[in-house]
Amino acid sequence: MKISAVGDALTIQALRLMGIEGTAVESAEETEAALDEAIAPETVILITGAAAELIRAKVDKLKIARQDFIVLEIPSTKGIPHQAEDTARLVSQAIGIKI
């Protein structure tokens, strides 16, 4: 299983420290391109809520598509103290592996 992430630069940097590769995005076009690139069989794709809002219709469609990949929304690390720890906990619960 592969884990990939799409979101703001700070969140992607935090996830990289946990061993998760990702792409930092700032616009809807960048987000859509990064999401398309991340889609692969047996992949868990983490996308921050802010990035998901940029392309909400596509994210919602992919969440229910029932393909051989999973799209999960996670909070970003911006603005709220200790949210990086919460993100790590959410990722661990989602994939069943402690990171």
PDB file of N, CA and C in Angstrom:
ATOM      1  N   MET A   1       0.837  -1.169   0.000  1.00  0.00           N
ATOM      2  CA  MET A   1       0.000   0.000   0.000  1.00  0.00           C
ATOM      3  C   MET A   1       0.885   1.236   0.000  1.00  0.00           C
ATOM      4  N   LYS A   2       0.505   2.199  -0.806  1.00  0.00           N
ATOM      5  CA  LYS A   2       1.228   3.462  -0.913  1.00  0.00           C
ATOM      6  C   LYS A   2       0.378   4.557  -0.277  1.00  0.00           C
ATOM      7  N   ILE A   3       1.034   5.516   0.368  1.00  0.00           N
ATOM      8  CA  ILE A   3       0.334   6.663   0.930  1.00  0.00           C
ATOM      9  C   ILE A   3       0.889   7.914   0.279  1.00  0.00           C
ATOM     10  N   SER A   4      -0.014   8.762  -0.189  1.00  0.00           N
ATOM     11  CA  SER A   4       0.353   9.999  -0.854  1.00  0.00           C
ATOM     12  C   SER A   4      -0.462  11.121  -0.246  1.00  0.00           C
ATOM     13  N   ALA A   5       0.029  12.347  -0.309  1.00  0.00           N
ATOM     14  CA  ALA A   5      -0.687  13.473   0.291  1.00  0.00           C
ATOM     15  C   ALA A   5      -0.704  14.673  -0.642  1.00  0.00           C
ATOM     16  N   VAL A   6      -1.767  15.479  -0.505  1.00  0.00           N
ATOM     17  CA  VAL A   6      -1.918  16.718  -1.252  1.00  0.00           C
ATOM     18  C   VAL A   6      -2.400  17.765  -0.257  1.00  0.00           C
ATOM     19  N   GLY A   7      -1.716  18.914  -0.213  1.00  0.00           N
ATOM     20  CA  GLY A   7      -2.139  19.958   0.717  1.00  0.00           C
ATOM     21  C   GLY A   7      -1.180  21.127   0.734  1.00  0.00           C
ATOM     22  N   ASP A   8      -1.332  21.951   1.755  1.00  0.00           N
ATOM     23  CA  ASP A   8      -0.461  23.119   1.890  1.00  0.00           C
ATOM     24  C   ASP A   8       0.962  22.678   2.233  1.00  0.00           C
ATOM     25  N   ALA A   9       1.909  23.561   2.018  1.00  0.00           N
ATOM     26  CA  ALA A   9       3.329  23.232   2.179  1.00  0.00           C
ATOM     27  C   ALA A   9       3.680  22.779   3.597  1.00  0.00           C
ATOM     28  N   LEU A  10       3.138  23.433   4.612  1.00  0.00           N
ATOM     29  CA  LEU A  10       3.459  23.077   5.990  1.00  0.00           C
ATOM     30  C   LEU A  10       2.949  21.681   6.342  1.00  0.00           C
ATOM     31  N   THR A  11       1.741  21.371   5.924  1.00  0.00           N
ATOM     32  CA  THR A  11       1.193  20.040   6.193  1.00  0.00           C
ATOM     33  C   THR A  11       1.987  18.967   5.467  1.00  0.00           C
ATOM     34  N   ILE A  12       2.339  19.230   4.217  1.00  0.00           N
ATOM     35  CA  ILE A  12       3.122  18.259   3.450  1.00  0.00           C
ATOM     36  C   ILE A  12       4.485  18.052   4.100  1.00  0.00           C
ATOM     37  N   GLN A  13       5.086  19.125   4.588  1.00  0.00           N
ATOM     38  CA  GLN A  13       6.374  18.999   5.270  1.00  0.00           C
ATOM     39  C   GLN A  13       6.229  18.141   6.527  1.00  0.00           C
ATOM     40  N   ALA A  14       5.175  18.347   7.293  1.00  0.00           N
ATOM     41  CA  ALA A  14       4.947  17.546   8.504  1.00  0.00           C
ATOM     42  C   ALA A  14       4.734  16.075   8.153  1.00  0.00           C
ATOM     43  N   LEU A  15       3.987  15.818   7.101  1.00  0.00           N
ATOM     44  CA  LEU A  15       3.751  14.437   6.691  1.00  0.00           C
ATOM     45  C   LEU A  15       5.030  13.778   6.183  1.00  0.00           C
ATOM     46  N   ARG A  16       5.872  14.541   5.526  1.00  0.00           N
ATOM     47  CA  ARG A  16       7.157  13.989   5.070  1.00  0.00           C
ATOM     48  C   ARG A  16       8.019  13.554   6.255  1.00  0.00           C
ATOM     49  N   LEU A  17       7.927  14.283   7.353  1.00  0.00           N
ATOM     50  CA  LEU A  17       8.654  13.886   8.557  1.00  0.00           C
ATOM     51  C   LEU A  17       8.163  12.547   9.089  1.00  0.00           C
ATOM     52  N   MET A  18       6.921  12.194   8.759  1.00  0.00           N
ATOM     53  CA  MET A  18       6.350  10.908   9.162  1.00  0.00           C
ATOM     54  C   MET A  18       6.558   9.841   8.091  1.00  0.00           C
ATOM     55  N   GLY A  19       7.263  10.187   7.015  1.00  0.00           N
ATOM     56  CA  GLY A  19       7.552   9.224   5.965  1.00  0.00           C
ATOM     57  C   GLY A  19       6.516   9.148   4.854  1.00  0.00           C
ATOM     58  N   ILE A  20       5.635  10.141   4.785  1.00  0.00           N
ATOM     59  CA  ILE A  20       4.599  10.161   3.751  1.00  0.00           C
ATOM     60  C   ILE A  20       4.969  11.206   2.711  1.00  0.00           C
ATOM     61  N   GLU A  21       5.053  10.776   1.461  1.00  0.00           N
ATOM     62  CA  GLU A  21       5.360  11.704   0.379  1.00  0.00           C
ATOM     63  C   GLU A  21       4.113  12.459  -0.033  1.00  0.00           C
ATOM     64  N   GLY A  22       4.300  13.677  -0.505  1.00  0.00           N
ATOM     65  CA  GLY A  22       3.152  14.458  -0.922  1.00  0.00           C
ATOM     66  C   GLY A  22       3.529  15.626  -1.795  1.00  0.00           C
ATOM     67  N   THR A  23       2.509  16.330  -2.253  1.00  0.00           N
ATOM     68  CA  THR A  23       2.684  17.476  -3.122  1.00  0.00           C
ATOM     69  C   THR A  23       2.028  18.691  -2.494  1.00  0.00           C
ATOM     70  N   ALA A  24       2.792  19.769  -2.371  1.00  0.00           N
ATOM     71  CA  ALA A  24       2.261  21.028  -1.851  1.00  0.00           C
ATOM     72  C   ALA A  24       1.559  21.761  -2.981  1.00  0.00           C
ATOM     73  N   VAL A  25       0.362  22.264  -2.689  1.00  0.00           N
ATOM     74  CA  VAL A  25      -0.435  22.954  -3.704  1.00  0.00           C
ATOM     75  C   VAL A  25      -0.968  24.267  -3.151  1.00  0.00           C
ATOM     76  N   GLU A  26      -1.263  25.191  -4.071  1.00  0.00           N
ATOM     77  CA  GLU A  26      -1.811  26.489  -3.670  1.00  0.00           C
ATOM     78  C   GLU A  26      -3.051  26.877  -4.467  1.00  0.00           C
ATOM     79  N   SER A  27      -3.268  26.260  -5.617  1.00  0.00           N
ATOM     80  CA  SER A  27      -4.403  26.636  -6.465  1.00  0.00           C
ATOM     81  C   SER A  27      -5.228  25.402  -6.806  1.00  0.00           C
ATOM     82  N   ALA A  28      -6.412  25.657  -7.347  1.00  0.00           N
ATOM     83  CA  ALA A  28      -7.286  24.555  -7.749  1.00  0.00           C
ATOM     84  C   ALA A  28      -6.633  23.712  -8.846  1.00  0.00           C
ATOM     85  N   GLU A  29      -5.954  24.381  -9.784  1.00  0.00           N
ATOM     86  CA  GLU A  29      -5.305  23.660 -10.880  1.00  0.00           C
ATOM     87  C   GLU A  29      -4.194  22.759 -10.362  1.00  0.00           C
ATOM     88  N   GLU A  30      -3.374  23.278  -9.453  1.00  0.00           N
ATOM     89  CA  GLU A  30      -2.296  22.474  -8.860  1.00  0.00           C
ATOM     90  C   GLU A  30      -2.874  21.304  -8.066  1.00  0.00           C
ATOM     91  N   THR A  31      -3.955  21.562  -7.348  1.00  0.00           N
ATOM     92  CA  THR A  31      -4.573  20.520  -6.532  1.00  0.00           C
ATOM     93  C   THR A  31      -5.118  19.400  -7.402  1.00  0.00           C
ATOM     94  N   GLU A  32      -5.814  19.773  -8.463  1.00  0.00           N
ATOM     95  CA  GLU A  32      -6.371  18.758  -9.360  1.00  0.00           C
ATOM     96  C   GLU A  32      -5.270  17.932 -10.015  1.00  0.00           C
ATOM     97  N   ALA A  33      -4.207  18.595 -10.462  1.00  0.00           N
ATOM     98  CA  ALA A  33      -3.091  17.877 -11.099  1.00  0.00           C
ATOM     99  C   ALA A  33      -2.407  16.940 -10.100  1.00  0.00           C
ATOM    100  N   ALA A  34      -2.187  17.402  -8.873  1.00  0.00           N
ATOM    101  CA  ALA A  34      -1.535  16.577  -7.860  1.00  0.00           C
ATOM    102  C   ALA A  34      -2.408  15.381  -7.481  1.00  0.00           C
ATOM    103  N   LEU A  35      -3.707  15.602  -7.383  1.00  0.00           N
ATOM    104  CA  LEU A  35      -4.619  14.512  -7.057  1.00  0.00           C
ATOM    105  C   LEU A  35      -4.639  13.474  -8.175  1.00  0.00           C
ATOM    106  N   ASP A  36      -4.705  13.931  -9.412  1.00  0.00           N
ATOM    107  CA  ASP A  36      -4.682  13.007 -10.553  1.00  0.00           C
ATOM    108  C   ASP A  36      -3.399  12.189 -10.569  1.00  0.00           C
ATOM    109  N   GLU A  37      -2.291  12.827 -10.235  1.00  0.00           N
ATOM    110  CA  GLU A  37      -0.996  12.125 -10.212  1.00  0.00           C
ATOM    111  C   GLU A  37      -0.922  11.107  -9.076  1.00  0.00           C
ATOM    112  N   ALA A  38      -1.581  11.399  -7.964  1.00  0.00           N
ATOM    113  CA  ALA A  38      -1.532  10.520  -6.793  1.00  0.00           C
ATOM    114  C   ALA A  38      -2.393   9.272  -6.950  1.00  0.00           C
ATOM    115  N   ILE A  39      -3.386   9.331  -7.816  1.00  0.00           N
ATOM    116  CA  ILE A  39      -4.300   8.194  -7.976  1.00  0.00           C
ATOM    117  C   ILE A  39      -3.553   7.019  -8.600  1.00  0.00           C
ATOM    118  N   ALA A  40      -3.551   5.918  -7.856  1.00  0.00           N
ATOM    119  CA  ALA A  40      -2.913   4.684  -8.300  1.00  0.00           C
ATOM    120  C   ALA A  40      -3.539   3.533  -7.523  1.00  0.00           C
ATOM    121  N   PRO A  41      -3.463   2.324  -8.059  1.00  0.00           N
ATOM    122  CA  PRO A  41      -4.012   1.181  -7.329  1.00  0.00           C
ATOM    123  C   PRO A  41      -3.370   1.035  -5.946  1.00  0.00           C
ATOM    124  N   GLU A  42      -4.190   0.632  -4.992  1.00  0.00           N
ATOM    125  CA  GLU A  42      -3.756   0.377  -3.615  1.00  0.00           C
ATOM    126  C   GLU A  42      -3.061   1.582  -2.988  1.00  0.00           C
ATOM    127  N   THR A  43      -3.628   2.750  -3.184  1.00  0.00           N
ATOM    128  CA  THR A  43      -3.071   3.987  -2.644  1.00  0.00           C
ATOM    129  C   THR A  43      -4.074   4.655  -1.720  1.00  0.00           C
ATOM    130  N   VAL A  44      -3.573   5.160  -0.604  1.00  0.00           N
ATOM    131  CA  VAL A  44      -4.355   6.010   0.280  1.00  0.00           C
ATOM    132  C   VAL A  44      -3.906   7.434  -0.009  1.00  0.00           C
ATOM    133  N   ILE A  45      -4.838   8.268  -0.421  1.00  0.00           N
ATOM    134  CA  ILE A  45      -4.521   9.654  -0.754  1.00  0.00           C
ATOM    135  C   ILE A  45      -5.070  10.544   0.348  1.00  0.00           C
ATOM    136  N   LEU A  46      -4.183  11.240   1.023  1.00  0.00           N
ATOM    137  CA  LEU A  46      -4.567  12.184   2.061  1.00  0.00           C
ATOM    138  C   LEU A  46      -4.626  13.561   1.442  1.00  0.00           C
ATOM    139  N   ILE A  47      -5.719  14.271   1.660  1.00  0.00           N
ATOM    140  CA  ILE A  47      -5.850  15.625   1.127  1.00  0.00           C
ATOM    141  C   ILE A  47      -6.360  16.524   2.240  1.00  0.00           C
ATOM    142  N   THR A  48      -5.731  17.667   2.396  1.00  0.00           N
ATOM    143  CA  THR A  48      -6.181  18.581   3.451  1.00  0.00           C
ATOM    144  C   THR A  48      -7.551  19.146   3.091  1.00  0.00           C
ATOM    145  N   GLY A  49      -8.302  19.509   4.110  1.00  0.00           N
ATOM    146  CA  GLY A  49      -9.621  20.067   3.897  1.00  0.00           C
ATOM    147  C   GLY A  49      -9.603  21.310   3.023  1.00  0.00           C
ATOM    148  N   ALA A  50      -8.610  22.167   3.239  1.00  0.00           N
ATOM    149  CA  ALA A  50      -8.512  23.396   2.440  1.00  0.00           C
ATOM    150  C   ALA A  50      -8.248  23.081   0.971  1.00  0.00           C
ATOM    151  N   ALA A  51      -7.379  22.118   0.708  1.00  0.00           N
ATOM    152  CA  ALA A  51      -7.103  21.734  -0.680  1.00  0.00           C
ATOM    153  C   ALA A  51      -8.332  21.072  -1.296  1.00  0.00           C
ATOM    154  N   ALA A  52      -9.021  20.252  -0.519  1.00  0.00           N
ATOM    155  CA  ALA A  52     -10.224  19.578  -1.021  1.00  0.00           C
ATOM    156  C   ALA A  52     -11.306  20.587  -1.399  1.00  0.00           C
ATOM    157  N   GLU A  53     -11.402  21.667  -0.635  1.00  0.00           N
ATOM    158  CA  GLU A  53     -12.407  22.690  -0.933  1.00  0.00           C
ATOM    159  C   GLU A  53     -12.169  23.344  -2.284  1.00  0.00           C
ATOM    160  N   LEU A  54     -10.917  23.394  -2.722  1.00  0.00           N
ATOM    161  CA  LEU A  54     -10.590  23.992  -4.021  1.00  0.00           C
ATOM    162  C   LEU A  54     -11.186  23.198  -5.177  1.00  0.00           C
ATOM    163  N   ILE A  55     -11.329  21.885  -4.971  1.00  0.00           N
ATOM    164  CA  ILE A  55     -11.882  21.015  -6.020  1.00  0.00           C
ATOM    165  C   ILE A  55     -12.918  20.068  -5.400  1.00  0.00           C
ATOM    166  N   ARG A  56     -13.828  20.637  -4.638  1.00  0.00           N
ATOM    167  CA  ARG A  56     -14.783  19.853  -3.851  1.00  0.00           C
ATOM    168  C   ARG A  56     -15.537  18.808  -4.665  1.00  0.00           C
ATOM    169  N   ALA A  57     -16.053  19.157  -5.818  1.00  0.00           N
ATOM    170  CA  ALA A  57     -16.854  18.209  -6.607  1.00  0.00           C
ATOM    171  C   ALA A  57     -16.040  16.974  -6.986  1.00  0.00           C
ATOM    172  N   LYS A  58     -14.805  17.180  -7.401  1.00  0.00           N
ATOM    173  CA  LYS A  58     -13.958  16.048  -7.799  1.00  0.00           C
ATOM    174  C   LYS A  58     -13.618  15.174  -6.606  1.00  0.00           C
ATOM    175  N   VAL A  59     -13.280  15.791  -5.463  1.00  0.00           N
ATOM    176  CA  VAL A  59     -12.936  15.024  -4.263  1.00  0.00           C
ATOM    177  C   VAL A  59     -14.127  14.184  -3.818  1.00  0.00           C
ATOM    178  N   ASP A  60     -15.304  14.781  -3.790  1.00  0.00           N
ATOM    179  CA  ASP A  60     -16.493  14.038  -3.371  1.00  0.00           C
ATOM    180  C   ASP A  60     -16.772  12.871  -4.316  1.00  0.00           C
ATOM    181  N   LYS A  61     -16.592  13.093  -5.612  1.00  0.00           N
ATOM    182  CA  LYS A  61     -16.795  12.023  -6.588  1.00  0.00           C
ATOM    183  C   LYS A  61     -15.803  10.879  -6.367  1.00  0.00           C
ATOM    184  N   LEU A  62     -14.543  11.211  -6.115  1.00  0.00           N
ATOM    185  CA  LEU A  62     -13.524  10.178  -5.906  1.00  0.00           C
ATOM    186  C   LEU A  62     -13.750   9.403  -4.604  1.00  0.00           C
ATOM    187  N   LYS A  63     -14.278  10.079  -3.587  1.00  0.00           N
ATOM    188  CA  LYS A  63     -14.539   9.409  -2.306  1.00  0.00           C
ATOM    189  C   LYS A  63     -15.563   8.296  -2.440  1.00  0.00           C
ATOM    190  N   ILE A  64     -16.533   8.481  -3.321  1.00  0.00           N
ATOM    191  CA  ILE A  64     -17.586   7.483  -3.456  1.00  0.00           C
ATOM    192  C   ILE A  64     -17.413   6.596  -4.685  1.00  0.00           C
ATOM    193  N   ALA A  65     -16.345   6.758  -5.415  1.00  0.00           N
ATOM    194  CA  ALA A  65     -16.135   6.033  -6.664  1.00  0.00           C
ATOM    195  C   ALA A  65     -15.916   4.535  -6.461  1.00  0.00           C
ATOM    196  N   ARG A  66     -15.534   4.127  -5.260  1.00  0.00           N
ATOM    197  CA  ARG A  66     -15.269   2.719  -4.940  1.00  0.00           C
ATOM    198  C   ARG A  66     -14.237   2.101  -5.891  1.00  0.00           C
ATOM    199  N   GLN A  67     -13.166   2.807  -6.087  1.00  0.00           N
ATOM    200  CA  GLN A  67     -12.071   2.306  -6.897  1.00  0.00           C
ATOM    201  C   GLN A  67     -11.107   1.548  -5.998  1.00  0.00           C
ATOM    202  N   ASP A  68      -9.928   1.254  -6.492  1.00  0.00           N
ATOM    203  CA  ASP A  68      -8.929   0.550  -5.697  1.00  0.00           C
ATOM    204  C   ASP A  68      -7.968   1.517  -5.012  1.00  0.00           C
ATOM    205  N   PHE A  69      -8.471   2.713  -4.695  1.00  0.00           N
ATOM    206  CA  PHE A  69      -7.726   3.694  -3.925  1.00  0.00           C
ATOM    207  C   PHE A  69      -8.693   4.355  -2.957  1.00  0.00           C
ATOM    208  N   ILE A  70      -8.146   5.046  -1.943  1.00  0.00           N
ATOM    209  CA  ILE A  70      -8.973   5.708  -0.939  1.00  0.00           C
ATOM    210  C   ILE A  70      -8.558   7.173  -0.860  1.00  0.00           C
ATOM    211  N   VAL A  71      -9.525   8.066  -0.811  1.00  0.00           N
ATOM    212  CA  VAL A  71      -9.266   9.495  -0.631  1.00  0.00           C
ATOM    213  C   VAL A  71      -9.792   9.883   0.745  1.00  0.00           C
ATOM    214  N   LEU A  72      -8.892  10.378   1.604  1.00  0.00           N
ATOM    215  CA  LEU A  72      -9.257  10.791   2.956  1.00  0.00           C
ATOM    216  C   LEU A  72      -8.923  12.254   3.157  1.00  0.00           C
ATOM    217  N   GLU A  73      -9.858  13.002   3.707  1.00  0.00           N
ATOM    218  CA  GLU A  73      -9.595  14.399   4.055  1.00  0.00           C
ATOM    219  C   GLU A  73      -9.008  14.458   5.451  1.00  0.00           C
ATOM    220  N   ILE A  74      -7.976  15.268   5.595  1.00  0.00           N
ATOM    221  CA  ILE A  74      -7.353  15.469   6.899  1.00  0.00           C
ATOM    222  C   ILE A  74      -7.269  16.969   7.172  1.00  0.00           C
ATOM    223  N   PRO A  75      -7.202  17.360   8.430  1.00  0.00           N
ATOM    224  CA  PRO A  75      -7.011  18.781   8.729  1.00  0.00           C
ATOM    225  C   PRO A  75      -5.584  19.192   8.396  1.00  0.00           C
ATOM    226  N   SER A  76      -5.392  20.458   8.084  1.00  0.00           N
ATOM    227  CA  SER A  76      -4.040  20.947   7.833  1.00  0.00           C
ATOM    228  C   SER A  76      -3.411  21.348   9.159  1.00  0.00           C
ATOM    229  N   THR A  77      -2.134  21.631   9.134  1.00  0.00           N
ATOM    230  CA  THR A  77      -1.431  22.022  10.353  1.00  0.00           C
ATOM    231  C   THR A  77      -1.506  23.517  10.604  1.00  0.00           C
ATOM    232  N   LYS A  78      -2.104  24.268   9.689  1.00  0.00           N
ATOM    233  CA  LYS A  78      -2.165  25.725   9.838  1.00  0.00           C
ATOM    234  C   LYS A  78      -3.159  26.136  10.915  1.00  0.00           C
ATOM    235  N   GLY A  79      -2.733  27.071  11.745  1.00  0.00           N
ATOM    236  CA  GLY A  79      -3.653  27.747  12.633  1.00  0.00           C
ATOM    237  C   GLY A  79      -3.974  27.126  13.968  1.00  0.00           C
ATOM    238  N   ILE A  80      -3.914  25.825  14.117  1.00  0.00           N
ATOM    239  CA  ILE A  80      -4.323  25.213  15.372  1.00  0.00           C
ATOM    240  C   ILE A  80      -3.141  24.455  15.975  1.00  0.00           C
ATOM    241  N   PRO A  81      -2.733  24.803  17.201  1.00  0.00           N
ATOM    242  CA  PRO A  81      -1.631  24.094  17.835  1.00  0.00           C
ATOM    243  C   PRO A  81      -1.941  22.600  18.002  1.00  0.00           C
ATOM    244  N   HIS A  82      -0.939  21.790  17.904  1.00  0.00           N
ATOM    245  CA  HIS A  82      -1.014  20.339  18.104  1.00  0.00           C
ATOM    246  C   HIS A  82      -1.816  19.618  17.031  1.00  0.00           C
ATOM    247  N   GLN A  83      -2.184  20.301  15.961  1.00  0.00           N
ATOM    248  CA  GLN A  83      -2.976  19.639  14.933  1.00  0.00           C
ATOM    249  C   GLN A  83      -2.141  18.627  14.145  1.00  0.00           C
ATOM    250  N   ALA A  84      -0.833  18.806  14.100  1.00  0.00           N
ATOM    251  CA  ALA A  84       0.010  17.818  13.426  1.00  0.00           C
ATOM    252  C   ALA A  84      -0.112  16.474  14.124  1.00  0.00           C
ATOM    253  N   GLU A  85      -0.177  16.489  15.451  1.00  0.00           N
ATOM    254  CA  GLU A  85      -0.357  15.249  16.197  1.00  0.00           C
ATOM    255  C   GLU A  85      -1.721  14.643  15.894  1.00  0.00           C
ATOM    256  N   ASP A  86      -2.743  15.474  15.794  1.00  0.00           N
ATOM    257  CA  ASP A  86      -4.081  14.998  15.456  1.00  0.00           C
ATOM    258  C   ASP A  86      -4.089  14.385  14.065  1.00  0.00           C
ATOM    259  N   THR A  87      -3.385  15.005  13.132  1.00  0.00           N
ATOM    260  CA  THR A  87      -3.305  14.487  11.772  1.00  0.00           C
ATOM    261  C   THR A  87      -2.643  13.121  11.772  1.00  0.00           C
ATOM    262  N   ALA A  88      -1.557  12.967  12.509  1.00  0.00           N
ATOM    263  CA  ALA A  88      -0.869  11.671  12.596  1.00  0.00           C
ATOM    264  C   ALA A  88      -1.804  10.614  13.172  1.00  0.00           C
ATOM    265  N   ARG A  89      -2.585  10.978  14.173  1.00  0.00           N
ATOM    266  CA  ARG A  89      -3.530  10.041  14.792  1.00  0.00           C
ATOM    267  C   ARG A  89      -4.616   9.649  13.787  1.00  0.00           C
ATOM    268  N   LEU A  90      -5.144  10.623  13.043  1.00  0.00           N
ATOM    269  CA  LEU A  90      -6.174  10.328  12.048  1.00  0.00           C
ATOM    270  C   LEU A  90      -5.646   9.401  10.954  1.00  0.00           C
ATOM    271  N   VAL A  91      -4.432   9.677  10.492  1.00  0.00           N
ATOM    272  CA  VAL A  91      -3.827   8.839   9.460  1.00  0.00           C
ATOM    273  C   VAL A  91      -3.639   7.423   9.994  1.00  0.00           C
ATOM    274  N   SER A  92      -3.145   7.298  11.209  1.00  0.00           N
ATOM    275  CA  SER A  92      -2.940   5.990  11.821  1.00  0.00           C
ATOM    276  C   SER A  92      -4.250   5.210  11.935  1.00  0.00           C
ATOM    277  N   GLN A  93      -5.296   5.895  12.344  1.00  0.00           N
ATOM    278  CA  GLN A  93      -6.603   5.230  12.457  1.00  0.00           C
ATOM    279  C   GLN A  93      -7.133   4.830  11.096  1.00  0.00           C
ATOM    280  N   ALA A  94      -6.940   5.658  10.103  1.00  0.00           N
ATOM    281  CA  ALA A  94      -7.476   5.390   8.777  1.00  0.00           C
ATOM    282  C   ALA A  94      -6.818   4.190   8.111  1.00  0.00           C
ATOM    283  N   ILE A  95      -5.513   4.055   8.271  1.00  0.00           N
ATOM    284  CA  ILE A  95      -4.806   2.983   7.570  1.00  0.00           C
ATOM    285  C   ILE A  95      -4.437   1.822   8.475  1.00  0.00           C
ATOM    286  N   GLY A  96      -4.658   1.998   9.782  1.00  0.00           N
ATOM    287  CA  GLY A  96      -4.397   0.898  10.708  1.00  0.00           C
ATOM    288  C   GLY A  96      -2.940   0.668  11.030  1.00  0.00           C
ATOM    289  N   ILE A  97      -2.101   1.639  10.743  1.00  0.00           N
ATOM    290  CA  ILE A  97      -0.671   1.522  11.017  1.00  0.00           C
ATOM    291  C   ILE A  97      -0.219   2.739  11.792  1.00  0.00           C
ATOM    292  N   LYS A  98       0.529   2.519  12.859  1.00  0.00           N
ATOM    293  CA  LYS A  98       1.036   3.663  13.626  1.00  0.00           C
ATOM    294  C   LYS A  98       2.204   4.259  12.880  1.00  0.00           C
ATOM    295  N   ILE A  99       2.145   5.615  12.683  1.00  0.00           N
ATOM    296  CA  ILE A  99       3.234   6.289  11.976  1.00  0.00           C
ATOM    297  C   ILE A  99       3.900   7.294  12.879  1.00  0.00           C
TER     298      ILE A  99
END
